[in-house]
């Protein structure tokens, strides 16, 4: 088949959705299809929320199948459109009136929410099949749009390169240093860690300076490694050498970090409200689900630091948890008649 994978792109930003699109194209080609990635630039602020949606409505796509990944790419028109939804415009739905959203609950904000919900529902019901990347995204779709979708799970980036290695005295997390990823919680937790365990954070973001200052004020800057940009090979290496992975975003869509940690045989310390992460982490089996306070996160870190055999056992359980994730079945379901 000739397949066009359609997705949005905020210029100069790259994260999980972009990796998903690239990997989907590669997997489709590996399965014998011709596949291309088609992306249009978009913005997230509410004053221009419909601009890119209208642009997608006018884009001609000549292919046997289009697979739309996220807002507003699913507005593309095609007689054989499959949606595999990574996320909608979260700031207008579950994030409305929150600290990371410009959709306030005034008359203008509420009217824009109403219109967007109406537009989204229409565009999504045009699809011949509707999948989501996780149960969390499926639940949101049912709650806000009244639509049923099937979760379709897939491997994370670097899947074949990730492997267990000897653990060292640090916990690791690659993430964007932005509010919804809650890197500040991890720095605050470090102040309560009693062992000599270090915290290594890979990635950039608007909170980088604030995190450095917070660590200085808390007196933990000597144990915090803000690595900035690291290569894919370095990410894989850090997973292999970490004692554990700490990852506690707010209501995450899927959470590649969780899957990568398990693939590398490392337990995951997370929080009760971390969304898709909780579809994989089982408390006390392959990680710890905490109450989301710095003290609880620190207690979990110290427990693993003081019992390396427990960390190894939990990591092995995590690796077993993701052992069946493969791209082949995903492509089969997305392309099935």
C-alpha atoms as a PDB file:
ATOM      1  CA  UNK A   1       0.000   0.000   0.000  1.00  0.00           C
ATOM      2  CA  UNK A   2       0.940   3.638  -0.410  1.00  0.00           C
ATOM      3  CA  UNK A   3       0.602   5.141   3.069  1.00  0.00           C
ATOM      4  CA  UNK A   4       0.823   8.759   4.169  1.00  0.00           C
ATOM      5  CA  UNK A   5       1.369   9.295   7.897  1.00  0.00           C
ATOM      6  CA  UNK A   6      -0.055  12.717   8.760  1.00  0.00           C
ATOM      7  CA  UNK A   7       1.002  14.693  11.804  1.00  0.00           C
ATOM      8  CA  UNK A   8       1.433  18.165  13.230  1.00  0.00           C
ATOM      9  CA  UNK A   9       4.796  19.783  13.817  1.00  0.00           C
ATOM     10  CA  UNK A  10       5.619  22.737  16.021  1.00  0.00           C
ATOM     11  CA  UNK A  11       8.784  24.127  14.411  1.00  0.00           C
ATOM     12  CA  UNK A  12      11.985  23.567  16.422  1.00  0.00           C
ATOM     13  CA  UNK A  13      10.248  21.180  18.845  1.00  0.00           C
ATOM     14  CA  UNK A  14      10.755  17.442  18.967  1.00  0.00           C
ATOM     15  CA  UNK A  15       9.300  14.942  21.394  1.00  0.00           C
ATOM     16  CA  UNK A  16       7.466  11.644  21.613  1.00  0.00           C
ATOM     17  CA  UNK A  17       4.899  12.404  18.896  1.00  0.00           C
ATOM     18  CA  UNK A  18       7.621  13.186  16.368  1.00  0.00           C
ATOM     19  CA  UNK A  19       9.476   9.982  17.248  1.00  0.00           C
ATOM     20  CA  UNK A  20       6.224   8.031  16.920  1.00  0.00           C
ATOM     21  CA  UNK A  21       5.636   9.327  13.386  1.00  0.00           C
ATOM     22  CA  UNK A  22       9.177   8.583  12.248  1.00  0.00           C
ATOM     23  CA  UNK A  23       9.110   5.084  13.705  1.00  0.00           C
ATOM     24  CA  UNK A  24       5.684   4.352  12.213  1.00  0.00           C
ATOM     25  CA  UNK A  25       6.940   5.222   8.734  1.00  0.00           C
ATOM     26  CA  UNK A  26      10.003   3.010   9.225  1.00  0.00           C
ATOM     27  CA  UNK A  27       7.851   0.123  10.458  1.00  0.00           C
ATOM     28  CA  UNK A  28       5.452   0.446   7.528  1.00  0.00           C
ATOM     29  CA  UNK A  29       8.340   0.374   5.057  1.00  0.00           C
ATOM     30  CA  UNK A  30       9.816  -2.643   6.835  1.00  0.00           C
ATOM     31  CA  UNK A  31       6.449  -4.380   6.429  1.00  0.00           C
ATOM     32  CA  UNK A  32       6.615  -3.893   2.655  1.00  0.00           C
ATOM     33  CA  UNK A  33       4.583  -0.716   2.165  1.00  0.00           C
ATOM     34  CA  UNK A  34       5.563   2.596   0.604  1.00  0.00           C
ATOM     35  CA  UNK A  35       5.220   5.187   3.342  1.00  0.00           C
ATOM     36  CA  UNK A  36       5.790   8.920   3.615  1.00  0.00           C
ATOM     37  CA  UNK A  37       5.499  11.364   6.494  1.00  0.00           C
ATOM     38  CA  UNK A  38       3.410  14.482   5.787  1.00  0.00           C
ATOM     39  CA  UNK A  39       3.508  17.240   8.396  1.00  0.00           C
ATOM     40  CA  UNK A  40       2.193  20.788   8.578  1.00  0.00           C
ATOM     41  CA  UNK A  41       3.353  23.425  11.073  1.00  0.00           C
ATOM     42  CA  UNK A  42       0.932  24.236  13.852  1.00  0.00           C
ATOM     43  CA  UNK A  43       0.644  26.366  16.978  1.00  0.00           C
ATOM     44  CA  UNK A  44      -1.081  25.678  20.271  1.00  0.00           C
ATOM     45  CA  UNK A  45      -2.286  29.133  21.367  1.00  0.00           C
ATOM     46  CA  UNK A  46      -6.040  29.498  21.355  1.00  0.00           C
ATOM     47  CA  UNK A  47      -6.178  32.615  19.147  1.00  0.00           C
ATOM     48  CA  UNK A  48      -4.899  30.570  16.193  1.00  0.00           C
ATOM     49  CA  UNK A  49      -6.278  27.193  17.157  1.00  0.00           C
ATOM     50  CA  UNK A  50      -8.281  26.578  13.968  1.00  0.00           C
ATOM     51  CA  UNK A  51      -5.713  27.824  11.432  1.00  0.00           C
ATOM     52  CA  UNK A  52      -3.815  24.582  10.964  1.00  0.00           C
ATOM     53  CA  UNK A  53      -7.028  22.538  11.159  1.00  0.00           C
ATOM     54  CA  UNK A  54      -8.394  24.472   8.175  1.00  0.00           C
ATOM     55  CA  UNK A  55      -5.104  24.015   6.336  1.00  0.00           C
ATOM     56  CA  UNK A  56      -5.279  20.239   6.768  1.00  0.00           C
ATOM     57  CA  UNK A  57      -8.826  20.320   5.414  1.00  0.00           C
ATOM     58  CA  UNK A  58      -7.486  21.648   2.122  1.00  0.00           C
ATOM     59  CA  UNK A  59      -4.417  19.414   1.686  1.00  0.00           C
ATOM     60  CA  UNK A  60      -4.769  16.837  -1.123  1.00  0.00           C
ATOM     61  CA  UNK A  61      -3.337  13.449  -0.169  1.00  0.00           C
ATOM     62  CA  UNK A  62      -2.970  10.852  -2.910  1.00  0.00           C
ATOM     63  CA  UNK A  63      -2.407   7.510  -1.215  1.00  0.00           C
ATOM     64  CA  UNK A  64      -4.173   4.234  -0.523  1.00  0.00           C
ATOM     65  CA  UNK A  65      -4.308   5.024   3.186  1.00  0.00           C
ATOM     66  CA  UNK A  66      -3.693   7.955   5.482  1.00  0.00           C
ATOM     67  CA  UNK A  67      -2.886   7.467   9.162  1.00  0.00           C
ATOM     68  CA  UNK A  68      -3.437  10.625  11.201  1.00  0.00           C
ATOM     69  CA  UNK A  69      -1.591  10.871  14.502  1.00  0.00           C
ATOM     70  CA  UNK A  70      -2.520  14.040  16.371  1.00  0.00           C
ATOM     71  CA  UNK A  71      -4.337  17.358  16.392  1.00  0.00           C
ATOM     72  CA  UNK A  72      -4.918  18.898  13.928  1.00  0.00           C
ATOM     73  CA  UNK A  73      -3.672  16.325  11.375  1.00  0.00           C
ATOM     74  CA  UNK A  74      -6.828  14.250  11.743  1.00  0.00           C
ATOM     75  CA  UNK A  75      -8.716  17.016   9.923  1.00  0.00           C
ATOM     76  CA  UNK A  76      -7.197  15.706   6.678  1.00  0.00           C
ATOM     77  CA  UNK A  77      -9.846  14.493   4.235  1.00  0.00           C
ATOM     78  CA  UNK A  78      -9.388  11.068   2.639  1.00  0.00           C
ATOM     79  CA  UNK A  79     -11.736   8.175   1.785  1.00  0.00           C
ATOM     80  CA  UNK A  80      -9.514   5.750   3.736  1.00  0.00           C
ATOM     81  CA  UNK A  81      -8.501   7.644   6.853  1.00  0.00           C
ATOM     82  CA  UNK A  82      -7.362   5.791   9.956  1.00  0.00           C
ATOM     83  CA  UNK A  83      -6.709   7.751  13.131  1.00  0.00           C
ATOM     84  CA  UNK A  84      -4.149   6.474  15.635  1.00  0.00           C
ATOM     85  CA  UNK A  85      -4.495   9.232  18.174  1.00  0.00           C
ATOM     86  CA  UNK A  86      -1.493  10.309  20.206  1.00  0.00           C
ATOM     87  CA  UNK A  87      -3.345  13.299  21.646  1.00  0.00           C
ATOM     88  CA  UNK A  88      -5.851  16.020  20.937  1.00  0.00           C
ATOM     89  CA  UNK A  89      -5.246  19.654  21.882  1.00  0.00           C
ATOM     90  CA  UNK A  90      -4.959  18.917  25.582  1.00  0.00           C
ATOM     91  CA  UNK A  91      -4.897  22.554  26.677  1.00  0.00           C
ATOM     92  CA  UNK A  92      -8.483  22.885  25.444  1.00  0.00           C
ATOM     93  CA  UNK A  93      -9.739  19.681  27.064  1.00  0.00           C
ATOM     94  CA  UNK A  94      -8.394  18.152  30.274  1.00  0.00           C
ATOM     95  CA  UNK A  95      -5.847  20.968  30.676  1.00  0.00           C
ATOM     96  CA  UNK A  96      -8.320  23.850  30.362  1.00  0.00           C
ATOM     97  CA  UNK A  97      -7.889  26.562  33.004  1.00  0.00           C
ATOM     98  CA  UNK A  98      -4.735  24.844  34.228  1.00  0.00           C
ATOM     99  CA  UNK A  99      -1.238  26.268  34.656  1.00  0.00           C
ATOM    100  CA  UNK A 100      -0.101  25.086  31.184  1.00  0.00           C
ATOM    101  CA  UNK A 101      -3.170  26.245  29.247  1.00  0.00           C
ATOM    102  CA  UNK A 102      -4.328  29.556  27.775  1.00  0.00           C
ATOM    103  CA  UNK A 103      -7.884  28.193  27.558  1.00  0.00           C
ATOM    104  CA  UNK A 104      -9.452  29.990  30.508  1.00  0.00           C
ATOM    105  CA  UNK A 105     -13.049  29.459  31.540  1.00  0.00           C
ATOM    106  CA  UNK A 106     -14.277  32.853  30.335  1.00  0.00           C
ATOM    107  CA  UNK A 107     -16.935  33.237  27.637  1.00  0.00           C
ATOM    108  CA  UNK A 108     -14.390  33.254  24.812  1.00  0.00           C
ATOM    109  CA  UNK A 109     -12.515  30.246  26.134  1.00  0.00           C
ATOM    110  CA  UNK A 110     -15.697  28.228  26.672  1.00  0.00           C
ATOM    111  CA  UNK A 111     -16.981  29.028  23.177  1.00  0.00           C
ATOM    112  CA  UNK A 112     -13.665  27.991  21.630  1.00  0.00           C
ATOM    113  CA  UNK A 113     -13.814  24.737  23.609  1.00  0.00           C
ATOM    114  CA  UNK A 114     -17.332  24.082  22.346  1.00  0.00           C
ATOM    115  CA  UNK A 115     -16.364  24.719  18.741  1.00  0.00           C
ATOM    116  CA  UNK A 116     -13.213  22.636  18.970  1.00  0.00           C
ATOM    117  CA  UNK A 117     -15.107  19.715  20.507  1.00  0.00           C
ATOM    118  CA  UNK A 118     -17.663  19.910  17.697  1.00  0.00           C
ATOM    119  CA  UNK A 119     -14.988  20.100  14.999  1.00  0.00           C
ATOM    120  CA  UNK A 120     -12.883  17.325  16.536  1.00  0.00           C
ATOM    121  CA  UNK A 121     -15.816  14.962  16.891  1.00  0.00           C
ATOM    122  CA  UNK A 122     -16.803  15.441  13.262  1.00  0.00           C
ATOM    123  CA  UNK A 123     -13.253  14.968  11.938  1.00  0.00           C
ATOM    124  CA  UNK A 124     -12.584  11.916  14.087  1.00  0.00           C
ATOM    125  CA  UNK A 125     -15.846  10.180  13.148  1.00  0.00           C
ATOM    126  CA  UNK A 126     -14.797  10.412   9.492  1.00  0.00           C
ATOM    127  CA  UNK A 127     -12.138   7.783  10.162  1.00  0.00           C
ATOM    128  CA  UNK A 128     -12.695   4.196   9.093  1.00  0.00           C
ATOM    129  CA  UNK A 129     -10.913   3.013  12.246  1.00  0.00           C
ATOM    130  CA  UNK A 130     -10.128   4.875  15.444  1.00  0.00           C
ATOM    131  CA  UNK A 131      -7.216   3.817  17.628  1.00  0.00           C
ATOM    132  CA  UNK A 132      -5.346   5.557  20.444  1.00  0.00           C
ATOM    133  CA  UNK A 133      -1.801   5.068  21.718  1.00  0.00           C
ATOM    134  CA  UNK A 134      -3.011   4.282  25.256  1.00  0.00           C
ATOM    135  CA  UNK A 135      -6.005   3.666  27.458  1.00  0.00           C
ATOM    136  CA  UNK A 136      -5.617   7.146  28.937  1.00  0.00           C
ATOM    137  CA  UNK A 137      -6.083   8.779  25.524  1.00  0.00           C
ATOM    138  CA  UNK A 138      -9.046   6.487  24.801  1.00  0.00           C
ATOM    139  CA  UNK A 139     -10.653   7.479  28.112  1.00  0.00           C
ATOM    140  CA  UNK A 140     -10.252  11.181  27.315  1.00  0.00           C
ATOM    141  CA  UNK A 141     -11.795  10.674  23.887  1.00  0.00           C
ATOM    142  CA  UNK A 142     -14.802   8.932  25.409  1.00  0.00           C
ATOM    143  CA  UNK A 143     -15.167  11.559  28.134  1.00  0.00           C
ATOM    144  CA  UNK A 144     -14.952  14.675  25.992  1.00  0.00           C
ATOM    145  CA  UNK A 145     -16.155  13.526  22.563  1.00  0.00           C
ATOM    146  CA  UNK A 146     -18.295  10.483  23.279  1.00  0.00           C
ATOM    147  CA  UNK A 147     -16.179   8.352  20.916  1.00  0.00           C
ATOM    148  CA  UNK A 148     -14.967   4.797  21.462  1.00  0.00           C
ATOM    149  CA  UNK A 149     -11.404   3.928  20.428  1.00  0.00           C
ATOM    150  CA  UNK A 150      -9.139   0.912  20.800  1.00  0.00           C
ATOM    151  CA  UNK A 151      -5.739   1.368  22.477  1.00  0.00           C
ATOM    152  CA  UNK A 152      -2.916   0.132  20.263  1.00  0.00           C
ATOM    153  CA  UNK A 153       0.410  -0.150  22.071  1.00  0.00           C
ATOM    154  CA  UNK A 154       3.784   0.119  20.341  1.00  0.00           C
ATOM    155  CA  UNK A 155       7.520  -0.053  21.163  1.00  0.00           C
ATOM    156  CA  UNK A 156       9.449   3.057  22.176  1.00  0.00           C
ATOM    157  CA  UNK A 157      12.382   4.555  20.247  1.00  0.00           C
ATOM    158  CA  UNK A 158      15.797   2.824  20.522  1.00  0.00           C
ATOM    159  CA  UNK A 159      13.948  -0.421  21.269  1.00  0.00           C
ATOM    160  CA  UNK A 160      16.559  -2.742  19.821  1.00  0.00           C
ATOM    161  CA  UNK A 161      19.455  -0.858  21.440  1.00  0.00           C
ATOM    162  CA  UNK A 162      18.127  -0.832  25.008  1.00  0.00           C
ATOM    163  CA  UNK A 163      19.505  -3.541  27.294  1.00  0.00           C
ATOM    164  CA  UNK A 164      20.269  -4.027  31.001  1.00  0.00           C
ATOM    165  CA  UNK A 165      23.680  -3.104  32.344  1.00  0.00           C
ATOM    166  CA  UNK A 166      25.432  -2.896  35.728  1.00  0.00           C
ATOM    167  CA  UNK A 167      23.716  -0.287  37.909  1.00  0.00           C
ATOM    168  CA  UNK A 168      25.511   2.749  39.272  1.00  0.00           C
ATOM    169  CA  UNK A 169      24.534   5.189  42.021  1.00  0.00           C
ATOM    170  CA  UNK A 170      22.229   7.483  40.048  1.00  0.00           C
ATOM    171  CA  UNK A 171      18.608   7.626  38.931  1.00  0.00           C
ATOM    172  CA  UNK A 172      17.848   8.848  35.429  1.00  0.00           C
ATOM    173  CA  UNK A 173      15.129  10.566  33.440  1.00  0.00           C
ATOM    174  CA  UNK A 174      15.147  12.003  29.911  1.00  0.00           C
ATOM    175  CA  UNK A 175      12.375  14.584  29.541  1.00  0.00           C
ATOM    176  CA  UNK A 176      11.497  18.084  28.413  1.00  0.00           C
ATOM    177  CA  UNK A 177      12.100  20.522  31.243  1.00  0.00           C
ATOM    178  CA  UNK A 178       8.547  21.863  31.183  1.00  0.00           C
ATOM    179  CA  UNK A 179       5.792  22.147  33.766  1.00  0.00           C
ATOM    180  CA  UNK A 180       3.632  19.210  32.692  1.00  0.00           C
ATOM    181  CA  UNK A 181       6.642  16.876  32.957  1.00  0.00           C
ATOM    182  CA  UNK A 182       7.235  18.048  36.564  1.00  0.00           C
ATOM    183  CA  UNK A 183      11.037  17.989  36.663  1.00  0.00           C
ATOM    184  CA  UNK A 184      10.841  20.225  39.740  1.00  0.00           C
ATOM    185  CA  UNK A 185       9.286  17.359  41.680  1.00  0.00           C
ATOM    186  CA  UNK A 186      12.361  15.242  40.969  1.00  0.00           C
ATOM    187  CA  UNK A 187      14.726  17.982  42.131  1.00  0.00           C
ATOM    188  CA  UNK A 188      12.659  18.509  45.277  1.00  0.00           C
ATOM    189  CA  UNK A 189      12.767  14.760  45.934  1.00  0.00           C
ATOM    190  CA  UNK A 190      16.554  14.806  45.702  1.00  0.00           C
ATOM    191  CA  UNK A 191      16.628  17.046  48.775  1.00  0.00           C
ATOM    192  CA  UNK A 192      14.995  14.240  50.782  1.00  0.00           C
ATOM    193  CA  UNK A 193      17.173  11.381  49.482  1.00  0.00           C
ATOM    194  CA  UNK A 194      19.367  10.113  52.318  1.00  0.00           C
ATOM    195  CA  UNK A 195      21.636   7.878  50.247  1.00  0.00           C
ATOM    196  CA  UNK A 196      24.392   9.221  47.986  1.00  0.00           C
ATOM    197  CA  UNK A 197      22.260   8.640  44.901  1.00  0.00           C
ATOM    198  CA  UNK A 198      22.528  11.283  42.195  1.00  0.00           C
ATOM    199  CA  UNK A 199      19.824  12.506  39.811  1.00  0.00           C
ATOM    200  CA  UNK A 200      20.587  12.785  36.075  1.00  0.00           C
ATOM    201  CA  UNK A 201      18.089  14.677  33.895  1.00  0.00           C
ATOM    202  CA  UNK A 202      18.562  14.751  30.123  1.00  0.00           C
ATOM    203  CA  UNK A 203      16.802  17.364  28.010  1.00  0.00           C
ATOM    204  CA  UNK A 204      16.193  21.060  27.570  1.00  0.00           C
ATOM    205  CA  UNK A 205      13.262  23.315  28.398  1.00  0.00           C
ATOM    206  CA  UNK A 206      12.102  26.613  29.789  1.00  0.00           C
ATOM    207  CA  UNK A 207      12.562  25.472  33.406  1.00  0.00           C
ATOM    208  CA  UNK A 208      16.271  24.715  33.148  1.00  0.00           C
ATOM    209  CA  UNK A 209      17.452  27.865  34.890  1.00  0.00           C
ATOM    210  CA  UNK A 210      14.783  27.571  37.561  1.00  0.00           C
ATOM    211  CA  UNK A 211      15.813  23.980  38.276  1.00  0.00           C
ATOM    212  CA  UNK A 212      19.462  24.952  38.669  1.00  0.00           C
ATOM    213  CA  UNK A 213      18.553  27.670  41.138  1.00  0.00           C
ATOM    214  CA  UNK A 214      16.159  25.391  43.003  1.00  0.00           C
ATOM    215  CA  UNK A 215      18.886  22.772  43.391  1.00  0.00           C
ATOM    216  CA  UNK A 216      21.295  25.424  44.679  1.00  0.00           C
ATOM    217  CA  UNK A 217      18.782  26.676  47.248  1.00  0.00           C
ATOM    218  CA  UNK A 218      18.055  23.129  48.405  1.00  0.00           C
ATOM    219  CA  UNK A 219      21.763  22.338  48.619  1.00  0.00           C
ATOM    220  CA  UNK A 220      21.621  19.425  46.179  1.00  0.00           C
ATOM    221  CA  UNK A 221      23.270  21.002  43.131  1.00  0.00           C
ATOM    222  CA  UNK A 222      26.345  18.797  43.612  1.00  0.00           C
ATOM    223  CA  UNK A 223      24.141  15.701  43.159  1.00  0.00           C
ATOM    224  CA  UNK A 224      22.095  17.003  40.226  1.00  0.00           C
ATOM    225  CA  UNK A 225      23.349  16.442  36.683  1.00  0.00           C
ATOM    226  CA  UNK A 226      21.450  18.538  34.145  1.00  0.00           C
ATOM    227  CA  UNK A 227      22.799  16.911  31.019  1.00  0.00           C
ATOM    228  CA  UNK A 228      21.030  19.059  28.434  1.00  0.00           C
ATOM    229  CA  UNK A 229      20.927  17.566  24.951  1.00  0.00           C
ATOM    230  CA  UNK A 230      22.380  14.071  24.765  1.00  0.00           C
ATOM    231  CA  UNK A 231      22.740  11.770  21.786  1.00  0.00           C
ATOM    232  CA  UNK A 232      20.572   8.697  21.353  1.00  0.00           C
ATOM    233  CA  UNK A 233      23.556   6.542  22.210  1.00  0.00           C
ATOM    234  CA  UNK A 234      24.074   8.471  25.456  1.00  0.00           C
ATOM    235  CA  UNK A 235      20.414   8.026  26.399  1.00  0.00           C
ATOM    236  CA  UNK A 236      20.723   4.278  25.888  1.00  0.00           C
ATOM    237  CA  UNK A 237      23.934   4.238  27.928  1.00  0.00           C
ATOM    238  CA  UNK A 238      22.359   6.142  30.826  1.00  0.00           C
ATOM    239  CA  UNK A 239      19.403   3.749  30.928  1.00  0.00           C
ATOM    240  CA  UNK A 240      21.799   0.803  31.066  1.00  0.00           C
ATOM    241  CA  UNK A 241      23.841   2.258  33.940  1.00  0.00           C
ATOM    242  CA  UNK A 242      21.055   3.782  36.060  1.00  0.00           C
ATOM    243  CA  UNK A 243      19.899   2.304  39.336  1.00  0.00           C
ATOM    244  CA  UNK A 244      16.326   3.173  38.406  1.00  0.00           C
ATOM    245  CA  UNK A 245      14.291   5.659  36.388  1.00  0.00           C
ATOM    246  CA  UNK A 246      12.230   8.377  38.055  1.00  0.00           C
ATOM    247  CA  UNK A 247       9.385   9.603  35.877  1.00  0.00           C
ATOM    248  CA  UNK A 248       6.355  11.404  37.267  1.00  0.00           C
ATOM    249  CA  UNK A 249       4.743  13.618  34.594  1.00  0.00           C
ATOM    250  CA  UNK A 250       1.189  14.826  35.004  1.00  0.00           C
ATOM    251  CA  UNK A 251      -1.366  12.618  33.207  1.00  0.00           C
ATOM    252  CA  UNK A 252       1.043  11.470  30.487  1.00  0.00           C
ATOM    253  CA  UNK A 253      -0.444  10.270  27.188  1.00  0.00           C
ATOM    254  CA  UNK A 254       1.747   7.147  26.932  1.00  0.00           C
ATOM    255  CA  UNK A 255       5.204   7.601  28.400  1.00  0.00           C
ATOM    256  CA  UNK A 256       8.102   6.333  26.293  1.00  0.00           C
ATOM    257  CA  UNK A 257      10.396   6.767  29.288  1.00  0.00           C
ATOM    258  CA  UNK A 258       8.551   3.995  31.138  1.00  0.00           C
ATOM    259  CA  UNK A 259       8.825   1.544  28.263  1.00  0.00           C
ATOM    260  CA  UNK A 260      12.484   2.379  27.640  1.00  0.00           C
ATOM    261  CA  UNK A 261      13.301   1.925  31.316  1.00  0.00           C
ATOM    262  CA  UNK A 262      11.652  -1.491  31.389  1.00  0.00           C
ATOM    263  CA  UNK A 263      13.341  -2.532  28.152  1.00  0.00           C
ATOM    264  CA  UNK A 264      16.655  -1.638  29.826  1.00  0.00           C
ATOM    265  CA  UNK A 265      15.700  -3.684  32.874  1.00  0.00           C
ATOM    266  CA  UNK A 266      15.260  -0.732  35.242  1.00  0.00           C
ATOM    267  CA  UNK A 267      12.397  -0.163  37.721  1.00  0.00           C
ATOM    268  CA  UNK A 268      10.327   3.004  37.419  1.00  0.00           C
ATOM    269  CA  UNK A 269       9.394   5.345  40.263  1.00  0.00           C
ATOM    270  CA  UNK A 270       6.301   7.366  39.388  1.00  0.00           C
ATOM    271  CA  UNK A 271       3.238   9.104  40.852  1.00  0.00           C
ATOM    272  CA  UNK A 272      -0.423   8.176  41.210  1.00  0.00           C
ATOM    273  CA  UNK A 273      -1.531  10.817  38.673  1.00  0.00           C
ATOM    274  CA  UNK A 274       1.005  10.149  35.907  1.00  0.00           C
ATOM    275  CA  UNK A 275      -1.528   8.865  33.395  1.00  0.00           C
ATOM    276  CA  UNK A 276      -0.339   6.367  30.802  1.00  0.00           C
ATOM    277  CA  UNK A 277       2.689   5.448  32.911  1.00  0.00           C
ATOM    278  CA  UNK A 278       0.302   3.633  35.245  1.00  0.00           C
ATOM    279  CA  UNK A 279      -0.779   1.275  32.468  1.00  0.00           C
ATOM    280  CA  UNK A 280       2.679  -0.299  32.769  1.00  0.00           C
ATOM    281  CA  UNK A 281       3.996   0.237  36.313  1.00  0.00           C
ATOM    282  CA  UNK A 282       2.748  -2.206  38.942  1.00  0.00           C
ATOM    283  CA  UNK A 283       3.490  -0.981  42.448  1.00  0.00           C
ATOM    284  CA  UNK A 284       6.014  -3.180  44.239  1.00  0.00           C
ATOM    285  CA  UNK A 285       6.500  -5.429  41.196  1.00  0.00           C
ATOM    286  CA  UNK A 286       8.336  -3.444  38.520  1.00  0.00           C
ATOM    287  CA  UNK A 287       8.482  -0.088  40.268  1.00  0.00           C
ATOM    288  CA  UNK A 288       6.813   2.157  42.810  1.00  0.00           C
ATOM    289  CA  UNK A 289       3.672   4.265  42.411  1.00  0.00           C
ATOM    290  CA  UNK A 290       4.015   7.024  44.988  1.00  0.00           C
ATOM    291  CA  UNK A 291       1.625   9.682  46.270  1.00  0.00           C
ATOM    292  CA  UNK A 292       3.522  12.231  44.204  1.00  0.00           C
ATOM    293  CA  UNK A 293       5.211  14.044  47.093  1.00  0.00           C
ATOM    294  CA  UNK A 294       8.971  14.664  47.101  1.00  0.00           C
ATOM    295  CA  UNK A 295       9.264  12.712  50.340  1.00  0.00           C
ATOM    296  CA  UNK A 296       7.599   9.618  48.865  1.00  0.00           C
ATOM    297  CA  UNK A 297       9.690   9.790  45.700  1.00  0.00           C
ATOM    298  CA  UNK A 298      12.840  10.047  47.822  1.00  0.00           C
ATOM    299  CA  UNK A 299      11.801   7.119  49.997  1.00  0.00           C
ATOM    300  CA  UNK A 300      11.400   4.944  46.896  1.00  0.00           C
ATOM    301  CA  UNK A 301      14.822   5.992  45.587  1.00  0.00           C
ATOM    302  CA  UNK A 302      16.470   5.186  48.907  1.00  0.00           C
ATOM    303  CA  UNK A 303      14.717   1.832  49.111  1.00  0.00           C
ATOM    304  CA  UNK A 304      16.243   0.771  45.798  1.00  0.00           C
ATOM    305  CA  UNK A 305      19.620   2.316  46.601  1.00  0.00           C
ATOM    306  CA  UNK A 306      19.773   0.348  49.847  1.00  0.00           C
ATOM    307  CA  UNK A 307      18.660  -2.907  48.194  1.00  0.00           C
ATOM    308  CA  UNK A 308      20.288  -3.307  44.747  1.00  0.00           C
ATOM    309  CA  UNK A 309      18.968  -6.869  44.467  1.00  0.00           C
ATOM    310  CA  UNK A 310      15.416  -5.526  44.728  1.00  0.00           C
ATOM    311  CA  UNK A 311      16.135  -2.996  41.994  1.00  0.00           C
ATOM    312  CA  UNK A 312      17.492  -5.769  39.780  1.00  0.00           C
ATOM    313  CA  UNK A 313      14.472  -7.998  40.461  1.00  0.00           C
ATOM    314  CA  UNK A 314      12.013  -5.193  39.704  1.00  0.00           C
ATOM    315  CA  UNK A 315      13.915  -4.258  36.558  1.00  0.00           C
ATOM    316  CA  UNK A 316      13.698  -7.832  35.308  1.00  0.00           C
ATOM    317  CA  UNK A 317       9.950  -7.782  35.934  1.00  0.00           C
ATOM    318  CA  UNK A 318       9.706  -4.571  33.929  1.00  0.00           C
ATOM    319  CA  UNK A 319      11.584  -6.130  31.024  1.00  0.00           C
ATOM    320  CA  UNK A 320       9.158  -9.056  31.068  1.00  0.00           C
ATOM    321  CA  UNK A 321       6.240  -6.609  31.086  1.00  0.00           C
ATOM    322  CA  UNK A 322       7.196  -5.132  27.699  1.00  0.00           C
ATOM    323  CA  UNK A 323       8.594  -8.294  26.100  1.00  0.00           C
ATOM    324  CA  UNK A 324       5.701  -8.658  23.636  1.00  0.00           C
ATOM    325  CA  UNK A 325       5.769  -5.123  22.225  1.00  0.00           C
ATOM    326  CA  UNK A 326       6.495  -5.243  18.479  1.00  0.00           C
ATOM    327  CA  UNK A 327       5.742  -3.058  15.474  1.00  0.00           C
ATOM    328  CA  UNK A 328       4.484  -5.881  13.255  1.00  0.00           C
ATOM    329  CA  UNK A 329       1.059  -6.307  14.910  1.00  0.00           C
ATOM    330  CA  UNK A 330       0.617  -2.521  15.023  1.00  0.00           C
ATOM    331  CA  UNK A 331       1.094  -2.195  11.257  1.00  0.00           C
ATOM    332  CA  UNK A 332      -1.232  -5.143  10.660  1.00  0.00           C
ATOM    333  CA  UNK A 333      -4.066  -3.530  12.612  1.00  0.00           C
ATOM    334  CA  UNK A 334      -3.571  -0.085  11.091  1.00  0.00           C
ATOM    335  CA  UNK A 335      -3.579  -1.429   7.512  1.00  0.00           C
ATOM    336  CA  UNK A 336      -6.208  -4.171   7.819  1.00  0.00           C
ATOM    337  CA  UNK A 337      -9.267  -3.698   5.549  1.00  0.00           C
END
